[in-house]
Each structure stands twice: as C-alpha cells, then as structure tokens.
C-alpha cells in the first residue's frame, strides 16, 4: 500500500501534468484570439522559441510575443486555428518538465489571398515558478506545410462573425 507521502507525490504529478496541458491550450487559444497581453503571461522572462523548423527563433518573452503579435495580428489579416494533440509530457523535476505535441494549423489571410495548412510537432520546456507552470522554450518542426493562393479558388467564401 502506498504511503501518504507517495500518494501526495502522485497527486502532485497529476496536478502538474494537467496544469501544463492547460498552459499549452491557453497558448493556442491566445494565438487564435489574438490575446497578446495574456500570451505574455504564459512565458518566463528569458523564454526562447524556435518556430518553423528554426526559421524564426527568438529570445525573451517580449521578443517572442512581439513576433507573434506582428505576424498574426488583426492588421496583418491572419486568421487561424491551432489544434494541439497527443501531449507527451515528462515531469523532469519538481519545477521542470518537457513536452511534445502534435500540431495541425489552418491559417488564411484574406488581404494577402493566402491559405496555409501545417502539420508539425512542438517541443517545449516548462518551469514552475511561484507555483505556476510557464513556457521556458517552445518551438515546432514541420511535418508538412502547404500554401496556396486563394485567388486560384474563386468560388471560395469565408463566413465568420
């Protein structure tokens, strides 16, 4: 039979896993809803990122959020939905963890007449500070990226509120 200390450790591990999942889900929601101030609260000050198989790499929370804000802003015309699946999270210490996630992303940009579909795998590092899990590193490597001109599909219409 497990001791009380062992049970407490197992419960803490489950709570940590769930908190990390919620952190990553919030990250994707903030991307899609363009909630940049909230997005900034998800990273450590010294976080790093490596998007697009390393094509876009940044150091520091401000630099990461500025890149996301600029490339995916309302003003840029970018609209997307990020679907993250199959989390593989490993708790590596009381305040550290790693994670791998499958990503499917659909993006379109009306003003640029551009469409994009992507499949990728995120590789993350997390740290727990003041009882809260944060992204210390995030980035993805493509499985595929498909782009097309929306002008090639003249009957295509987008309906959204």
Protein backbone atom coordinates (compact mmCIF):
# COMPACT_ATOMS: atom_id res chain seq x y z
CA UNK A 1 0.00 0.00 0.00
CA UNK A 2 1.26 3.47 -0.87
CA UNK A 3 2.24 5.80 1.91
CA UNK A 4 0.64 9.19 2.37
CA UNK A 5 3.82 10.85 1.08
CA UNK A 6 3.78 8.66 -2.04
CA UNK A 7 0.12 9.44 -2.67
CA UNK A 8 0.76 13.16 -2.24
CA UNK A 9 3.60 12.96 -4.79
CA UNK A 10 1.40 11.10 -7.27
CA UNK A 11 -1.40 13.64 -6.89
CA UNK A 12 1.07 16.50 -7.34
CA UNK A 13 2.38 14.89 -10.52
CA UNK A 14 -1.17 14.59 -11.91
CA UNK A 15 -1.92 18.21 -10.99
CA UNK A 16 1.31 19.32 -12.67
CA UNK A 17 0.50 17.38 -15.85
CA UNK A 18 -2.95 18.97 -16.01
CA UNK A 19 -1.56 22.46 -15.38
CA UNK A 20 0.95 22.03 -18.22
CA UNK A 21 -1.80 20.88 -20.58
CA UNK A 22 -3.90 23.91 -19.66
CA UNK A 23 -0.87 26.17 -20.22
CA UNK A 24 -0.37 24.87 -23.76
CA UNK A 25 -4.09 25.06 -24.53
CA UNK A 26 -4.09 28.69 -23.35
CA UNK A 27 -1.11 29.38 -25.62
CA UNK A 28 -3.02 28.19 -28.71
CA UNK A 29 -6.20 29.99 -27.66
CA UNK A 30 -4.27 33.24 -27.20
CA UNK A 31 -2.75 32.81 -30.68
CA UNK A 32 -6.14 32.31 -32.31
CA UNK A 33 -7.94 35.01 -30.32
CA UNK A 34 -5.00 37.41 -30.58
CA UNK A 35 -4.78 37.95 -26.82
CA UNK A 36 -1.19 39.18 -26.74
CA UNK A 37 -1.18 40.56 -23.19
CA UNK A 38 -2.47 37.25 -21.86
CA UNK A 39 0.00 35.40 -24.09
CA UNK A 40 2.88 37.26 -22.42
CA UNK A 41 1.86 35.85 -19.02
CA UNK A 42 2.47 32.30 -20.28
CA UNK A 43 6.25 32.69 -20.75
CA UNK A 44 9.24 33.09 -18.46
CA UNK A 45 11.12 36.38 -18.90
CA UNK A 46 14.05 34.55 -20.54
CA UNK A 47 11.97 32.17 -22.68
CA UNK A 48 13.17 31.07 -26.11
CA UNK A 49 11.31 29.98 -29.22
CA UNK A 50 12.12 28.26 -32.49
CA UNK A 51 9.23 28.30 -34.95
CA UNK A 52 9.08 26.91 -38.48
CA UNK A 53 11.86 24.33 -38.09
CA UNK A 54 14.15 27.04 -36.68
CA UNK A 55 13.44 29.70 -39.31
CA UNK A 56 12.06 32.08 -36.66
CA UNK A 57 13.97 31.97 -33.37
CA UNK A 58 13.67 34.47 -30.52
CA UNK A 59 14.99 35.02 -27.02
CA UNK A 60 12.97 36.72 -24.31
CA UNK A 61 9.25 36.93 -23.65
CA UNK A 62 8.93 40.37 -25.25
CA UNK A 63 10.64 39.28 -28.49
CA UNK A 64 8.51 36.14 -28.78
CA UNK A 65 5.21 37.92 -28.18
CA UNK A 66 6.21 40.78 -30.49
CA UNK A 67 6.89 38.29 -33.30
CA UNK A 68 3.55 36.55 -32.75
CA UNK A 69 1.68 39.84 -32.49
CA UNK A 70 3.26 41.17 -35.68
CA UNK A 71 2.93 38.03 -37.80
CA UNK A 72 -0.58 37.06 -36.65
CA UNK A 73 -2.18 40.42 -35.85
CA UNK A 74 -5.64 41.50 -36.90
CA UNK A 75 -3.94 44.17 -39.01
CA UNK A 76 -1.92 41.54 -40.90
CA UNK A 77 -5.15 39.86 -41.96
CA UNK A 78 -4.12 36.48 -40.50
CA UNK A 79 -6.89 34.25 -39.16
CA UNK A 80 -6.09 30.78 -37.91
CA UNK A 81 -6.97 27.88 -35.71
CA UNK A 82 -4.31 25.83 -33.94
CA UNK A 83 -5.14 22.28 -32.90
CA UNK A 84 -2.69 20.67 -30.49
CA UNK A 85 -2.97 16.96 -29.75
CA UNK A 86 -1.30 13.96 -28.21
CA UNK A 87 0.65 15.54 -25.36
CA UNK A 88 3.71 13.64 -24.23
CA UNK A 89 4.71 15.41 -21.03
CA UNK A 90 7.56 14.33 -18.80
CA UNK A 91 7.98 15.81 -15.35
CA UNK A 92 11.78 16.03 -15.03
CA UNK A 93 11.93 17.63 -11.58
CA UNK A 94 9.79 19.46 -9.03
CA UNK A 95 9.93 22.63 -11.15
CA UNK A 96 10.84 21.36 -14.63
CA UNK A 97 9.19 19.40 -17.41
CA UNK A 98 9.35 18.78 -21.14
CA UNK A 99 6.57 18.23 -23.63
CA UNK A 100 5.93 17.18 -27.19
CA UNK A 101 2.68 17.99 -29.00
CA UNK A 102 1.28 17.28 -32.47
CA UNK A 103 0.01 20.41 -34.21
CA UNK A 104 -2.43 20.89 -37.04
CA UNK A 105 -2.87 24.53 -38.06
CA UNK A 106 -5.10 26.12 -40.67
CA UNK A 107 -4.43 29.76 -41.50
CA UNK A 108 -5.81 32.12 -44.08
CA UNK A 109 -5.12 35.71 -44.90
CA UNK A 110 -7.85 37.45 -46.86
CA UNK A 111 -5.96 40.63 -47.78
CA UNK A 112 -2.97 38.58 -49.00
CA UNK A 113 -5.22 35.98 -50.67
CA UNK A 114 -3.15 33.26 -49.00
CA UNK A 115 -4.02 29.94 -47.37
CA UNK A 116 -1.77 27.71 -45.26
CA UNK A 117 -2.11 24.26 -43.71
CA UNK A 118 0.59 22.90 -41.43
CA UNK A 119 1.37 19.75 -39.57
CA UNK A 120 4.18 19.95 -37.04
CA UNK A 121 5.50 18.74 -33.72
CA UNK A 122 6.11 21.17 -30.87
CA UNK A 123 8.98 20.59 -28.45
CA UNK A 124 8.54 22.50 -25.18
CA UNK A 125 10.34 23.07 -21.90
CA UNK A 126 8.41 24.21 -18.85
CA UNK A 127 9.39 25.63 -15.49
CA UNK A 128 7.32 26.06 -12.37
CA UNK A 129 7.77 29.45 -10.71
CA UNK A 130 5.78 30.64 -7.72
CA UNK A 131 3.54 27.58 -8.02
CA UNK A 132 2.67 28.22 -11.69
CA UNK A 133 3.89 26.41 -14.81
CA UNK A 134 5.30 28.62 -17.60
CA UNK A 135 6.78 28.09 -21.04
CA UNK A 136 10.57 28.32 -20.94
CA UNK A 137 11.03 27.16 -24.52
CA UNK A 138 8.60 26.42 -27.33
CA UNK A 139 9.01 25.67 -30.97
CA UNK A 140 8.00 23.34 -33.72
CA UNK A 141 9.41 21.39 -36.63
CA UNK A 142 7.26 20.89 -39.71
CA UNK A 143 5.97 17.57 -40.90
CA UNK A 144 4.47 19.49 -43.81
CA UNK A 145 3.46 22.99 -44.79
CA UNK A 146 1.08 23.62 -47.65
CA UNK A 147 0.45 27.12 -49.06
CA UNK A 148 -1.74 28.31 -51.88
CA UNK A 149 -3.15 31.43 -53.44
CA UNK A 150 -6.79 31.88 -52.57
CA UNK A 151 -7.17 33.64 -55.95
CA UNK A 152 -6.88 30.17 -57.51
CA UNK A 153 -10.18 29.22 -55.88
CA UNK A 154 -12.61 31.96 -56.99
CA UNK A 155 -15.71 30.25 -55.55
CA UNK A 156 -14.18 30.06 -52.06
CA UNK A 157 -16.04 32.12 -49.45
CA UNK A 158 -15.34 32.58 -45.78
CA UNK A 159 -18.17 33.21 -43.37
CA UNK A 160 -17.35 34.29 -39.86
CA UNK A 161 -18.83 36.67 -37.34
